[in-house]
Amino acid sequence: MAGLAWERDQPVTTCNLKEDNSRDISPGAKAVNVGAGIALPVHDATHHTRAIVGIAYKGTRNFAQSEIQALLIEASTLP
């Protein structure tokens, strides 16, 4: 997910890591005991991606667009 977030320069999410059949989740990632996940690009002042922040949740869940935007804003404050 982090590699795709970097490549696409946009958040990549899954509501259920183990059950996700999209090509966004690598088979090795399914071995991790988590439910939902999100990978967020962090940009510098010139809007170049400088890092990816990954957040995993124990249970399954969907991400509202407003929540993704709030997480992007928070991630942008990282030093």
C-alpha atoms as a PDB file:
ATOM      1  CA  MET A   1       0.000   0.000   0.000  1.00  0.00           C
ATOM      2  CA  ALA A   2       2.816   2.400   0.831  1.00  0.00           C
ATOM      3  CA  GLY A   3       4.441   1.881  -2.561  1.00  0.00           C
ATOM      4  CA  LEU A   4       1.162   2.536  -4.332  1.00  0.00           C
ATOM      5  CA  ALA A   5       0.518   5.661  -2.255  1.00  0.00           C
ATOM      6  CA  TRP A   6       3.976   6.895  -3.288  1.00  0.00           C
ATOM      7  CA  GLU A   7       3.479   5.967  -6.942  1.00  0.00           C
ATOM      8  CA  ARG A   8      -0.055   7.368  -7.203  1.00  0.00           C
ATOM      9  CA  ASP A   9       0.603  10.331  -4.883  1.00  0.00           C
ATOM     10  CA  GLN A  10      -2.733   9.715  -3.188  1.00  0.00           C
ATOM     11  CA  PRO A  11      -4.054   7.742  -0.228  1.00  0.00           C
ATOM     12  CA  VAL A  12      -4.533   3.996  -0.593  1.00  0.00           C
ATOM     13  CA  THR A  13      -7.045   2.327   1.719  1.00  0.00           C
ATOM     14  CA  THR A  14      -8.478  -1.061   2.506  1.00  0.00           C
ATOM     15  CA  CYS A  15     -11.409  -1.775   4.785  1.00  0.00           C
ATOM     16  CA  ASN A  16     -10.293  -5.374   5.432  1.00  0.00           C
ATOM     17  CA  LEU A  17      -6.673  -6.251   4.720  1.00  0.00           C
ATOM     18  CA  LYS A  18      -7.085 -10.028   4.897  1.00  0.00           C
ATOM     19  CA  GLU A  19     -10.152 -10.147   2.627  1.00  0.00           C
ATOM     20  CA  ASP A  20      -9.081  -7.482   0.101  1.00  0.00           C
ATOM     21  CA  ASN A  21      -8.900  -9.030  -3.367  1.00  0.00           C
ATOM     22  CA  SER A  22      -7.761  -5.893  -5.169  1.00  0.00           C
ATOM     23  CA  ARG A  23      -4.279  -5.611  -6.597  1.00  0.00           C
ATOM     24  CA  ASP A  24      -3.568  -2.852  -4.063  1.00  0.00           C
ATOM     25  CA  ILE A  25      -2.671  -5.352  -1.330  1.00  0.00           C
ATOM     26  CA  SER A  26       0.345  -7.599  -1.679  1.00  0.00           C
ATOM     27  CA  PRO A  27      -0.051 -11.234  -0.617  1.00  0.00           C
ATOM     28  CA  GLY A  28       2.585 -10.801   2.115  1.00  0.00           C
ATOM     29  CA  ALA A  29       0.636  -7.955   3.689  1.00  0.00           C
ATOM     30  CA  LYS A  30      -2.269 -10.294   4.329  1.00  0.00           C
ATOM     31  CA  ALA A  31      -0.123 -12.145   6.869  1.00  0.00           C
ATOM     32  CA  VAL A  32      -0.312  -9.136   9.205  1.00  0.00           C
ATOM     33  CA  ASN A  33      -3.064  -9.431  11.807  1.00  0.00           C
ATOM     34  CA  VAL A  34      -4.867  -6.140  11.132  1.00  0.00           C
ATOM     35  CA  GLY A  35      -8.239  -5.174   9.703  1.00  0.00           C
ATOM     36  CA  ALA A  36      -8.349  -1.831   7.915  1.00  0.00           C
ATOM     37  CA  GLY A  37      -5.417   0.241   6.741  1.00  0.00           C
ATOM     38  CA  ILE A  38      -4.497   3.474   5.038  1.00  0.00           C
ATOM     39  CA  ALA A  39      -1.266   4.735   3.485  1.00  0.00           C
ATOM     40  CA  LEU A  40      -0.989   8.520   3.113  1.00  0.00           C
ATOM     41  CA  PRO A  41       1.573  10.554   1.148  1.00  0.00           C
ATOM     42  CA  VAL A  42       3.193  13.401   3.059  1.00  0.00           C
ATOM     43  CA  HIS A  43       4.244  16.385   0.955  1.00  0.00           C
ATOM     44  CA  ASP A  44       6.831  19.085   1.422  1.00  0.00           C
ATOM     45  CA  ALA A  45       6.233  22.790   0.745  1.00  0.00           C
ATOM     46  CA  THR A  46       6.716  22.244  -3.018  1.00  0.00           C
ATOM     47  CA  HIS A  47       4.193  19.354  -3.007  1.00  0.00           C
ATOM     48  CA  HIS A  48       6.811  16.648  -3.545  1.00  0.00           C
ATOM     49  CA  THR A  49       6.146  13.418  -1.676  1.00  0.00           C
ATOM     50  CA  ARG A  50       8.691  13.105   1.132  1.00  0.00           C
ATOM     51  CA  ALA A  51       7.231  10.220   3.130  1.00  0.00           C
ATOM     52  CA  ILE A  52       4.350   7.788   3.446  1.00  0.00           C
ATOM     53  CA  VAL A  53       2.458   7.386   6.714  1.00  0.00           C
ATOM     54  CA  GLY A  54       0.766   4.041   7.272  1.00  0.00           C
ATOM     55  CA  ILE A  55      -2.012   3.514   9.798  1.00  0.00           C
ATOM     56  CA  ALA A  56      -3.459   0.106  10.627  1.00  0.00           C
ATOM     57  CA  TYR A  57      -6.640  -0.618  12.566  1.00  0.00           C
ATOM     58  CA  LYS A  58      -7.399  -3.807  14.459  1.00  0.00           C
ATOM     59  CA  GLY A  59     -10.951  -4.100  13.111  1.00  0.00           C
ATOM     60  CA  THR A  60     -12.473  -3.619   9.700  1.00  0.00           C
ATOM     61  CA  ARG A  61     -13.807  -0.198   8.769  1.00  0.00           C
ATOM     62  CA  ASN A  62     -14.474   2.131   5.879  1.00  0.00           C
ATOM     63  CA  PHE A  63     -12.796   5.510   5.515  1.00  0.00           C
ATOM     64  CA  ALA A  64     -14.979   8.550   4.800  1.00  0.00           C
ATOM     65  CA  GLN A  65     -13.475  11.099   2.439  1.00  0.00           C
ATOM     66  CA  SER A  66     -13.642  13.703   5.210  1.00  0.00           C
ATOM     67  CA  GLU A  67     -11.634  11.400   7.488  1.00  0.00           C
ATOM     68  CA  ILE A  68      -9.015  10.815   4.795  1.00  0.00           C
ATOM     69  CA  GLN A  69      -8.680  14.577   4.328  1.00  0.00           C
ATOM     70  CA  ALA A  70      -8.285  15.081   8.087  1.00  0.00           C
ATOM     71  CA  LEU A  71      -5.586  12.387   8.210  1.00  0.00           C
ATOM     72  CA  LEU A  72      -3.775  14.016   5.275  1.00  0.00           C
ATOM     73  CA  ILE A  73      -3.783  17.340   7.105  1.00  0.00           C
ATOM     74  CA  GLU A  74      -2.416  15.719  10.260  1.00  0.00           C
ATOM     75  CA  ALA A  75       0.252  13.824   8.317  1.00  0.00           C
ATOM     76  CA  SER A  76       1.381  17.066   6.669  1.00  0.00           C
ATOM     77  CA  THR A  77       2.359  18.473  10.063  1.00  0.00           C
ATOM     78  CA  LEU A  78       5.065  15.842  10.604  1.00  0.00           C
ATOM     79  CA  PRO A  79       8.573  17.329  10.769  1.00  0.00           C
END
